[in-house]
């Protein structure tokens, strides 16, 4: 069911929303909707726990507008994950490289 993927995308969204939308304790409405959408997509992923990193995935399951939004979040939050969530960042890097 991709629990670790859900946690990672939630952490990325928290970083993004914190810095871009100045939200401290909760996500803004737009980021919360994107989180809900991303979690639903992960729940229905055909690859299950063997899901590759999004950039390596052969199936792009996001609607175009959500895909652009999540790409923006990942571009912003990805590098910052090394400082805020180093364990998750290393796991993700390993997943994208292998």
PDB file of N, CA and C in Angstrom:
ATOM      1  N   UNK A   1       0.804  -1.216   0.000  1.00  0.00           N
ATOM      2  CA  UNK A   1       0.000   0.000   0.000  1.00  0.00           C
ATOM      3  C   UNK A   1       0.841   1.271   0.000  1.00  0.00           C
ATOM      4  N   UNK A   2       2.154   1.154  -0.087  1.00  0.00           N
ATOM      5  CA  UNK A   2       3.044   2.299  -0.242  1.00  0.00           C
ATOM      6  C   UNK A   2       3.010   3.279   0.927  1.00  0.00           C
ATOM      7  N   UNK A   3       3.054   2.755   2.145  1.00  0.00           N
ATOM      8  CA  UNK A   3       3.036   3.633   3.316  1.00  0.00           C
ATOM      9  C   UNK A   3       4.241   4.562   3.341  1.00  0.00           C
ATOM     10  N   UNK A   4       5.414   4.047   3.012  1.00  0.00           N
ATOM     11  CA  UNK A   4       6.607   4.901   3.040  1.00  0.00           C
ATOM     12  C   UNK A   4       6.529   5.972   1.951  1.00  0.00           C
ATOM     13  N   UNK A   5       5.973   5.631   0.806  1.00  0.00           N
ATOM     14  CA  UNK A   5       5.802   6.618  -0.271  1.00  0.00           C
ATOM     15  C   UNK A   5       4.843   7.724   0.172  1.00  0.00           C
ATOM     16  N   UNK A   6       3.770   7.341   0.845  1.00  0.00           N
ATOM     17  CA  UNK A   6       2.808   8.336   1.330  1.00  0.00           C
ATOM     18  C   UNK A   6       3.474   9.270   2.331  1.00  0.00           C
ATOM     19  N   UNK A   7       4.258   8.702   3.230  1.00  0.00           N
ATOM     20  CA  UNK A   7       4.946   9.530   4.229  1.00  0.00           C
ATOM     21  C   UNK A   7       5.915  10.492   3.546  1.00  0.00           C
ATOM     22  N   UNK A   8       6.628  10.002   2.549  1.00  0.00           N
ATOM     23  CA  UNK A   8       7.599  10.846   1.857  1.00  0.00           C
ATOM     24  C   UNK A   8       6.911  11.982   1.120  1.00  0.00           C
ATOM     25  N   UNK A   9       5.848  11.690   0.402  1.00  0.00           N
ATOM     26  CA  UNK A   9       5.158  12.757  -0.333  1.00  0.00           C
ATOM     27  C   UNK A   9       4.545  13.758   0.645  1.00  0.00           C
ATOM     28  N   UNK A  10       4.071  13.297   1.785  1.00  0.00           N
ATOM     29  CA  UNK A  10       3.526  14.213   2.796  1.00  0.00           C
ATOM     30  C   UNK A  10       4.623  15.115   3.353  1.00  0.00           C
ATOM     31  N   UNK A  11       5.791  14.563   3.593  1.00  0.00           N
ATOM     32  CA  UNK A  11       6.909  15.367   4.096  1.00  0.00           C
ATOM     33  C   UNK A  11       7.328  16.404   3.062  1.00  0.00           C
ATOM     34  N   UNK A  12       7.351  15.999   1.800  1.00  0.00           N
ATOM     35  CA  UNK A  12       7.718  16.940   0.742  1.00  0.00           C
ATOM     36  C   UNK A  12       6.700  18.077   0.657  1.00  0.00           C
ATOM     37  N   UNK A  13       5.441  17.727   0.780  1.00  0.00           N
ATOM     38  CA  UNK A  13       4.394  18.751   0.741  1.00  0.00           C
ATOM     39  C   UNK A  13       4.468  19.676   1.949  1.00  0.00           C
ATOM     40  N   UNK A  14       4.782  19.140   3.118  1.00  0.00           N
ATOM     41  CA  UNK A  14       4.914  19.995   4.306  1.00  0.00           C
ATOM     42  C   UNK A  14       6.049  21.005   4.120  1.00  0.00           C
ATOM     43  N   UNK A  15       7.179  20.550   3.594  1.00  0.00           N
ATOM     44  CA  UNK A  15       8.293  21.470   3.337  1.00  0.00           C
ATOM     45  C   UNK A  15       7.884  22.545   2.326  1.00  0.00           C
ATOM     46  N   UNK A  16       7.292  22.111   1.251  1.00  0.00           N
ATOM     47  CA  UNK A  16       6.875  23.029   0.195  1.00  0.00           C
ATOM     48  C   UNK A  16       5.905  24.075   0.737  1.00  0.00           C
ATOM     49  N   UNK A  17       4.874  23.614   1.426  1.00  0.00           N
ATOM     50  CA  UNK A  17       3.834  24.512   1.926  1.00  0.00           C
ATOM     51  C   UNK A  17       4.393  25.451   2.996  1.00  0.00           C
ATOM     52  N   UNK A  18       5.295  24.941   3.792  1.00  0.00           N
ATOM     53  CA  UNK A  18       5.916  25.759   4.837  1.00  0.00           C
ATOM     54  C   UNK A  18       6.680  26.935   4.235  1.00  0.00           C
ATOM     55  N   UNK A  19       7.459  26.665   3.197  1.00  0.00           N
ATOM     56  CA  UNK A  19       8.287  27.716   2.619  1.00  0.00           C
ATOM     57  C   UNK A  19       7.563  28.553   1.569  1.00  0.00           C
ATOM     58  N   UNK A  20       6.705  27.946   0.784  1.00  0.00           N
ATOM     59  CA  UNK A  20       6.031  28.668  -0.303  1.00  0.00           C
ATOM     60  C   UNK A  20       4.741  29.346   0.140  1.00  0.00           C
ATOM     61  N   UNK A  21       4.031  28.729   1.085  1.00  0.00           N
ATOM     62  CA  UNK A  21       2.730  29.256   1.508  1.00  0.00           C
ATOM     63  C   UNK A  21       2.723  29.705   2.965  1.00  0.00           C
ATOM     64  N   UNK A  22       3.899  29.655   3.578  1.00  0.00           N
ATOM     65  CA  UNK A  22       4.092  30.117   4.955  1.00  0.00           C
ATOM     66  C   UNK A  22       3.151  29.452   5.962  1.00  0.00           C
ATOM     67  N   UNK A  23       2.912  28.162   5.740  1.00  0.00           N
ATOM     68  CA  UNK A  23       2.086  27.388   6.674  1.00  0.00           C
ATOM     69  C   UNK A  23       3.006  26.662   7.643  1.00  0.00           C
ATOM     70  N   UNK A  24       2.764  26.764   8.913  1.00  0.00           N
ATOM     71  CA  UNK A  24       3.638  26.141   9.905  1.00  0.00           C
ATOM     72  C   UNK A  24       3.141  24.769  10.359  1.00  0.00           C
ATOM     73  N   UNK A  25       1.923  24.673  10.799  1.00  0.00           N
ATOM     74  CA  UNK A  25       1.440  23.448  11.431  1.00  0.00           C
ATOM     75  C   UNK A  25       0.514  22.607  10.567  1.00  0.00           C
ATOM     76  N   UNK A  26      -0.050  23.199   9.549  1.00  0.00           N
ATOM     77  CA  UNK A  26      -0.972  22.475   8.680  1.00  0.00           C
ATOM     78  C   UNK A  26      -0.682  22.826   7.229  1.00  0.00           C
ATOM     79  N   UNK A  27      -1.213  22.012   6.344  1.00  0.00           N
ATOM     80  CA  UNK A  27      -1.105  22.313   4.910  1.00  0.00           C
ATOM     81  C   UNK A  27      -2.197  23.291   4.522  1.00  0.00           C
ATOM     82  N   UNK A  28      -1.915  24.147   3.565  1.00  0.00           N
ATOM     83  CA  UNK A  28      -2.962  24.998   3.005  1.00  0.00           C
ATOM     84  C   UNK A  28      -3.933  24.095   2.236  1.00  0.00           C
ATOM     85  N   UNK A  29      -5.036  24.640   1.830  1.00  0.00           N
ATOM     86  CA  UNK A  29      -6.069  23.846   1.149  1.00  0.00           C
ATOM     87  C   UNK A  29      -5.553  23.224  -0.145  1.00  0.00           C
ATOM     88  N   UNK A  30      -4.807  23.972  -0.948  1.00  0.00           N
ATOM     89  CA  UNK A  30      -4.285  23.437  -2.216  1.00  0.00           C
ATOM     90  C   UNK A  30      -3.330  22.273  -1.976  1.00  0.00           C
ATOM     91  N   UNK A  31      -2.445  22.423  -1.004  1.00  0.00           N
ATOM     92  CA  UNK A  31      -1.478  21.362  -0.718  1.00  0.00           C
ATOM     93  C   UNK A  31      -2.164  20.147  -0.100  1.00  0.00           C
ATOM     94  N   UNK A  32      -3.181  20.380   0.710  1.00  0.00           N
ATOM     95  CA  UNK A  32      -3.922  19.267   1.288  1.00  0.00           C
ATOM     96  C   UNK A  32      -4.639  18.469   0.202  1.00  0.00           C
ATOM     97  N   UNK A  33      -5.207  19.165  -0.771  1.00  0.00           N
ATOM     98  CA  UNK A  33      -5.877  18.482  -1.882  1.00  0.00           C
ATOM     99  C   UNK A  33      -4.872  17.682  -2.707  1.00  0.00           C
ATOM    100  N   UNK A  34      -3.698  18.252  -2.937  1.00  0.00           N
ATOM    101  CA  UNK A  34      -2.668  17.540  -3.679  1.00  0.00           C
ATOM    102  C   UNK A  34      -2.199  16.313  -2.900  1.00  0.00           C
ATOM    103  N   UNK A  35      -2.067  16.432  -1.592  1.00  0.00           N
ATOM    104  CA  UNK A  35      -1.687  15.291  -0.761  1.00  0.00           C
ATOM    105  C   UNK A  35      -2.736  14.185  -0.844  1.00  0.00           C
ATOM    106  N   UNK A  36      -4.005  14.561  -0.736  1.00  0.00           N
ATOM    107  CA  UNK A  36      -5.082  13.568  -0.842  1.00  0.00           C
ATOM    108  C   UNK A  36      -5.037  12.862  -2.197  1.00  0.00           C
ATOM    109  N   UNK A  37      -4.835  13.619  -3.247  1.00  0.00           N
ATOM    110  CA  UNK A  37      -4.777  13.058  -4.593  1.00  0.00           C
ATOM    111  C   UNK A  37      -3.588  12.103  -4.723  1.00  0.00           C
ATOM    112  N   UNK A  38      -2.430  12.538  -4.253  1.00  0.00           N
ATOM    113  CA  UNK A  38      -1.225  11.705  -4.336  1.00  0.00           C
ATOM    114  C   UNK A  38      -1.407  10.409  -3.548  1.00  0.00           C
ATOM    115  N   UNK A  39      -2.002  10.495  -2.381  1.00  0.00           N
ATOM    116  CA  UNK A  39      -2.234   9.295  -1.570  1.00  0.00           C
ATOM    117  C   UNK A  39      -3.192   8.335  -2.271  1.00  0.00           C
ATOM    118  N   UNK A  40      -4.226   8.878  -2.891  1.00  0.00           N
ATOM    119  CA  UNK A  40      -5.172   8.008  -3.633  1.00  0.00           C
ATOM    120  C   UNK A  40      -4.465   7.326  -4.804  1.00  0.00           C
ATOM    121  N   UNK A  41      -3.621   8.061  -5.499  1.00  0.00           N
ATOM    122  CA  UNK A  41      -2.882   7.478  -6.620  1.00  0.00           C
ATOM    123  C   UNK A  41      -1.967   6.355  -6.119  1.00  0.00           C
ATOM    124  N   UNK A  42      -1.313   6.559  -4.991  1.00  0.00           N
ATOM    125  CA  UNK A  42      -0.436   5.534  -4.424  1.00  0.00           C
ATOM    126  C   UNK A  42      -1.231   4.299  -3.992  1.00  0.00           C
ATOM    127  N   UNK A  43      -2.411   4.508  -3.441  1.00  0.00           N
ATOM    128  CA  UNK A  43      -3.251   3.379  -3.013  1.00  0.00           C
ATOM    129  C   UNK A  43      -3.661   2.498  -4.187  1.00  0.00           C
ATOM    130  N   UNK A  44      -3.778   3.106  -5.353  1.00  0.00           N
ATOM    131  CA  UNK A  44      -4.218   2.367  -6.536  1.00  0.00           C
ATOM    132  C   UNK A  44      -3.080   2.045  -7.503  1.00  0.00           C
ATOM    133  N   UNK A  45      -1.858   2.231  -7.070  1.00  0.00           N
ATOM    134  CA  UNK A  45      -0.713   1.987  -7.945  1.00  0.00           C
ATOM    135  C   UNK A  45      -0.622   0.506  -8.306  1.00  0.00           C
ATOM    136  N   UNK A  46      -0.500   0.223  -9.585  1.00  0.00           N
ATOM    137  CA  UNK A  46      -0.433  -1.173 -10.052  1.00  0.00           C
ATOM    138  C   UNK A  46       0.834  -1.868  -9.606  1.00  0.00           C
ATOM    139  N   UNK A  47       1.866  -1.109  -9.216  1.00  0.00           N
ATOM    140  CA  UNK A  47       3.134  -1.705  -8.814  1.00  0.00           C
ATOM    141  C   UNK A  47       3.212  -2.019  -7.328  1.00  0.00           C
ATOM    142  N   UNK A  48       2.248  -1.525  -6.558  1.00  0.00           N
ATOM    143  CA  UNK A  48       2.214  -1.805  -5.127  1.00  0.00           C
ATOM    144  C   UNK A  48       3.482  -1.359  -4.427  1.00  0.00           C
ATOM    145  N   UNK A  49       4.003  -2.205  -3.553  1.00  0.00           N
ATOM    146  CA  UNK A  49       5.212  -1.875  -2.792  1.00  0.00           C
ATOM    147  C   UNK A  49       6.460  -1.831  -3.678  1.00  0.00           C
ATOM    148  N   UNK A  50       6.373  -2.349  -4.888  1.00  0.00           N
ATOM    149  CA  UNK A  50       7.513  -2.342  -5.812  1.00  0.00           C
ATOM    150  C   UNK A  50       7.519  -1.110  -6.712  1.00  0.00           C
ATOM    151  N   UNK A  51       6.743  -0.111  -6.346  1.00  0.00           N
ATOM    152  CA  UNK A  51       6.632   1.089  -7.157  1.00  0.00           C
ATOM    153  C   UNK A  51       7.994   1.754  -7.330  1.00  0.00           C
ATOM    154  N   UNK A  52       8.357   2.070  -8.574  1.00  0.00           N
ATOM    155  CA  UNK A  52       9.606   2.803  -8.794  1.00  0.00           C
ATOM    156  C   UNK A  52       9.405   4.288  -8.461  1.00  0.00           C
ATOM    157  N   UNK A  53      10.472   5.037  -8.422  1.00  0.00           N
ATOM    158  CA  UNK A  53      10.360   6.485  -8.262  1.00  0.00           C
ATOM    159  C   UNK A  53       9.563   7.036  -9.443  1.00  0.00           C
ATOM    160  N   UNK A  54       8.814   8.096  -9.218  1.00  0.00           N
ATOM    161  CA  UNK A  54       7.935   8.640 -10.261  1.00  0.00           C
ATOM    162  C   UNK A  54       8.671   8.899 -11.569  1.00  0.00           C
ATOM    163  N   UNK A  55       9.869   9.461 -11.476  1.00  0.00           N
ATOM    164  CA  UNK A  55      10.604   9.786 -12.700  1.00  0.00           C
ATOM    165  C   UNK A  55      11.010   8.541 -13.477  1.00  0.00           C
ATOM    166  N   UNK A  56      11.066   7.397 -12.829  1.00  0.00           N
ATOM    167  CA  UNK A  56      11.433   6.140 -13.496  1.00  0.00           C
ATOM    168  C   UNK A  56      10.218   5.277 -13.835  1.00  0.00           C
ATOM    169  N   UNK A  57       9.049   5.709 -13.430  1.00  0.00           N
ATOM    170  CA  UNK A  57       7.842   4.909 -13.626  1.00  0.00           C
ATOM    171  C   UNK A  57       7.411   4.925 -15.091  1.00  0.00           C
ATOM    172  N   UNK A  58       6.946   3.781 -15.562  1.00  0.00           N
ATOM    173  CA  UNK A  58       6.488   3.668 -16.949  1.00  0.00           C
ATOM    174  C   UNK A  58       5.026   4.077 -17.109  1.00  0.00           C
ATOM    175  N   UNK A  59       4.309   4.189 -16.000  1.00  0.00           N
ATOM    176  CA  UNK A  59       2.901   4.573 -16.020  1.00  0.00           C
ATOM    177  C   UNK A  59       2.756   5.904 -15.290  1.00  0.00           C
ATOM    178  N   UNK A  60       2.276   6.911 -15.986  1.00  0.00           N
ATOM    179  CA  UNK A  60       2.072   8.214 -15.353  1.00  0.00           C
ATOM    180  C   UNK A  60       0.590   8.348 -15.018  1.00  0.00           C
ATOM    181  N   UNK A  61       0.295   8.156 -13.750  1.00  0.00           N
ATOM    182  CA  UNK A  61      -1.087   8.015 -13.309  1.00  0.00           C
ATOM    183  C   UNK A  61      -1.716   9.324 -12.848  1.00  0.00           C
ATOM    184  N   UNK A  62      -0.968  10.407 -12.806  1.00  0.00           N
ATOM    185  CA  UNK A  62      -1.527  11.687 -12.373  1.00  0.00           C
ATOM    186  C   UNK A  62      -2.174  12.398 -13.554  1.00  0.00           C
ATOM    187  N   UNK A  63      -3.272  13.106 -13.282  1.00  0.00           N
ATOM    188  CA  UNK A  63      -3.842  13.993 -14.284  1.00  0.00           C
ATOM    189  C   UNK A  63      -2.812  15.087 -14.551  1.00  0.00           C
ATOM    190  N   UNK A  64      -2.784  15.643 -15.761  1.00  0.00           N
ATOM    191  CA  UNK A  64      -1.744  16.618 -16.116  1.00  0.00           C
ATOM    192  C   UNK A  64      -1.575  17.776 -15.125  1.00  0.00           C
ATOM    193  N   UNK A  65      -2.684  18.358 -14.634  1.00  0.00           N
ATOM    194  CA  UNK A  65      -2.544  19.512 -13.724  1.00  0.00           C
ATOM    195  C   UNK A  65      -1.924  19.095 -12.383  1.00  0.00           C
ATOM    196  N   UNK A  66      -2.270  17.897 -11.906  1.00  0.00           N
ATOM    197  CA  UNK A  66      -1.681  17.407 -10.661  1.00  0.00           C
ATOM    198  C   UNK A  66      -0.228  16.984 -10.882  1.00  0.00           C
ATOM    199  N   UNK A  67       0.051  16.471 -12.045  1.00  0.00           N
ATOM    200  CA  UNK A  67       1.420  16.055 -12.355  1.00  0.00           C
ATOM    201  C   UNK A  67       2.364  17.261 -12.324  1.00  0.00           C
ATOM    202  N   UNK A  68       1.929  18.370 -12.902  1.00  0.00           N
ATOM    203  CA  UNK A  68       2.749  19.584 -12.878  1.00  0.00           C
ATOM    204  C   UNK A  68       2.937  20.097 -11.453  1.00  0.00           C
ATOM    205  N   UNK A  69       1.871  20.055 -10.666  1.00  0.00           N
ATOM    206  CA  UNK A  69       1.970  20.525  -9.278  1.00  0.00           C
ATOM    207  C   UNK A  69       2.929  19.662  -8.462  1.00  0.00           C
ATOM    208  N   UNK A  70       2.810  18.344  -8.583  1.00  0.00           N
ATOM    209  CA  UNK A  70       3.669  17.470  -7.776  1.00  0.00           C
ATOM    210  C   UNK A  70       5.115  17.567  -8.244  1.00  0.00           C
ATOM    211  N   UNK A  71       5.338  17.787  -9.526  1.00  0.00           N
ATOM    212  CA  UNK A  71       6.703  17.978 -10.021  1.00  0.00           C
ATOM    213  C   UNK A  71       7.322  19.240  -9.411  1.00  0.00           C
ATOM    214  N   UNK A  72       6.539  20.282  -9.320  1.00  0.00           N
ATOM    215  CA  UNK A  72       7.014  21.525  -8.702  1.00  0.00           C
ATOM    216  C   UNK A  72       7.372  21.293  -7.231  1.00  0.00           C
ATOM    217  N   UNK A  73       6.512  20.580  -6.523  1.00  0.00           N
ATOM    218  CA  UNK A  73       6.761  20.261  -5.114  1.00  0.00           C
ATOM    219  C   UNK A  73       8.039  19.441  -4.979  1.00  0.00           C
ATOM    220  N   UNK A  74       8.195  18.436  -5.822  1.00  0.00           N
ATOM    221  CA  UNK A  74       9.371  17.567  -5.743  1.00  0.00           C
ATOM    222  C   UNK A  74      10.652  18.313  -6.097  1.00  0.00           C
ATOM    223  N   UNK A  75      10.589  19.182  -7.103  1.00  0.00           N
ATOM    224  CA  UNK A  75      11.775  19.972  -7.469  1.00  0.00           C
ATOM    225  C   UNK A  75      12.215  20.867  -6.315  1.00  0.00           C
ATOM    226  N   UNK A  76      11.248  21.461  -5.645  1.00  0.00           N
ATOM    227  CA  UNK A  76      11.566  22.352  -4.527  1.00  0.00           C
ATOM    228  C   UNK A  76      12.008  21.565  -3.293  1.00  0.00           C
ATOM    229  N   UNK A  77      11.238  20.555  -2.928  1.00  0.00           N
ATOM    230  CA  UNK A  77      11.460  19.852  -1.666  1.00  0.00           C
ATOM    231  C   UNK A  77      12.568  18.818  -1.721  1.00  0.00           C
ATOM    232  N   UNK A  78      12.800  18.237  -2.877  1.00  0.00           N
ATOM    233  CA  UNK A  78      13.797  17.177  -2.997  1.00  0.00           C
ATOM    234  C   UNK A  78      15.140  17.529  -2.382  1.00  0.00           C
ATOM    235  N   UNK A  79      15.760  18.629  -2.813  1.00  0.00           N
ATOM    236  CA  UNK A  79      17.062  18.984  -2.236  1.00  0.00           C
ATOM    237  C   UNK A  79      16.987  19.297  -0.743  1.00  0.00           C
ATOM    238  N   UNK A  80      15.889  19.862  -0.292  1.00  0.00           N
ATOM    239  CA  UNK A  80      15.735  20.221   1.119  1.00  0.00           C
ATOM    240  C   UNK A  80      15.511  19.004   2.011  1.00  0.00           C
ATOM    241  N   UNK A  81      15.060  17.921   1.412  1.00  0.00           N
ATOM    242  CA  UNK A  81      14.846  16.690   2.186  1.00  0.00           C
ATOM    243  C   UNK A  81      16.152  16.225   2.832  1.00  0.00           C
ATOM    244  N   UNK A  82      17.278  16.475   2.181  1.00  0.00           N
ATOM    245  CA  UNK A  82      18.572  16.081   2.741  1.00  0.00           C
ATOM    246  C   UNK A  82      18.823  16.720   4.102  1.00  0.00           C
ATOM    247  N   UNK A  83      18.320  17.924   4.304  1.00  0.00           N
ATOM    248  CA  UNK A  83      18.531  18.628   5.563  1.00  0.00           C
ATOM    249  C   UNK A  83      17.448  18.343   6.601  1.00  0.00           C
ATOM    250  N   UNK A  84      16.209  18.177   6.143  1.00  0.00           N
ATOM    251  CA  UNK A  84      15.089  18.012   7.059  1.00  0.00           C
ATOM    252  C   UNK A  84      14.742  16.547   7.332  1.00  0.00           C
ATOM    253  N   UNK A  85      14.898  15.698   6.328  1.00  0.00           N
ATOM    254  CA  UNK A  85      14.578  14.268   6.442  1.00  0.00           C
ATOM    255  C   UNK A  85      15.658  13.460   5.720  1.00  0.00           C
ATOM    256  N   UNK A  86      16.878  13.436   6.248  1.00  0.00           N
ATOM    257  CA  UNK A  86      17.987  12.797   5.519  1.00  0.00           C
ATOM    258  C   UNK A  86      17.774  11.317   5.217  1.00  0.00           C
ATOM    259  N   UNK A  87      17.179  10.563   6.116  1.00  0.00           N
ATOM    260  CA  UNK A  87      16.941   9.139   5.868  1.00  0.00           C
ATOM    261  C   UNK A  87      16.036   8.910   4.674  1.00  0.00           C
ATOM    262  N   UNK A  88      14.954   9.677   4.615  1.00  0.00           N
ATOM    263  CA  UNK A  88      14.023   9.570   3.481  1.00  0.00           C
ATOM    264  C   UNK A  88      14.690   9.998   2.181  1.00  0.00           C
ATOM    265  N   UNK A  89      15.510  11.027   2.259  1.00  0.00           N
ATOM    266  CA  UNK A  89      16.200  11.521   1.054  1.00  0.00           C
ATOM    267  C   UNK A  89      17.148  10.459   0.504  1.00  0.00           C
ATOM    268  N   UNK A  90      17.886   9.812   1.368  1.00  0.00           N
ATOM    269  CA  UNK A  90      18.832   8.782   0.916  1.00  0.00           C
ATOM    270  C   UNK A  90      18.078   7.608   0.308  1.00  0.00           C
ATOM    271  N   UNK A  91      16.990   7.182   0.954  1.00  0.00           N
ATOM    272  CA  UNK A  91      16.185   6.069   0.402  1.00  0.00           C
ATOM    273  C   UNK A  91      15.675   6.424  -0.989  1.00  0.00           C
ATOM    274  N   UNK A  92      15.210   7.640  -1.150  1.00  0.00           N
ATOM    275  CA  UNK A  92      14.676   8.072  -2.445  1.00  0.00           C
ATOM    276  C   UNK A  92      15.790   8.120  -3.497  1.00  0.00           C
ATOM    277  N   UNK A  93      16.940   8.650  -3.117  1.00  0.00           N
ATOM    278  CA  UNK A  93      18.058   8.701  -4.052  1.00  0.00           C
ATOM    279  C   UNK A  93      18.463   7.315  -4.512  1.00  0.00           C
ATOM    280  N   UNK A  94      18.503   6.380  -3.588  1.00  0.00           N
ATOM    281  CA  UNK A  94      18.843   5.000  -3.953  1.00  0.00           C
ATOM    282  C   UNK A  94      17.801   4.400  -4.904  1.00  0.00           C
ATOM    283  N   UNK A  95      16.547   4.738  -4.656  1.00  0.00           N
ATOM    284  CA  UNK A  95      15.463   4.225  -5.487  1.00  0.00           C
ATOM    285  C   UNK A  95      15.531   4.793  -6.907  1.00  0.00           C
ATOM    286  N   UNK A  96      15.936   6.039  -7.024  1.00  0.00           N
ATOM    287  CA  UNK A  96      15.984   6.664  -8.357  1.00  0.00           C
ATOM    288  C   UNK A  96      17.219   6.242  -9.143  1.00  0.00           C
ATOM    289  N   UNK A  97      18.260   5.855  -8.452  1.00  0.00           N
ATOM    290  CA  UNK A  97      19.505   5.502  -9.135  1.00  0.00           C
ATOM    291  C   UNK A  97      19.591   4.028  -9.493  1.00  0.00           C
ATOM    292  N   UNK A  98      18.832   3.181  -8.821  1.00  0.00           N
ATOM    293  CA  UNK A  98      18.938   1.741  -9.068  1.00  0.00           C
ATOM    294  C   UNK A  98      17.621   1.134  -9.452  1.00  0.00           C
TER     295      UNK A  98
END
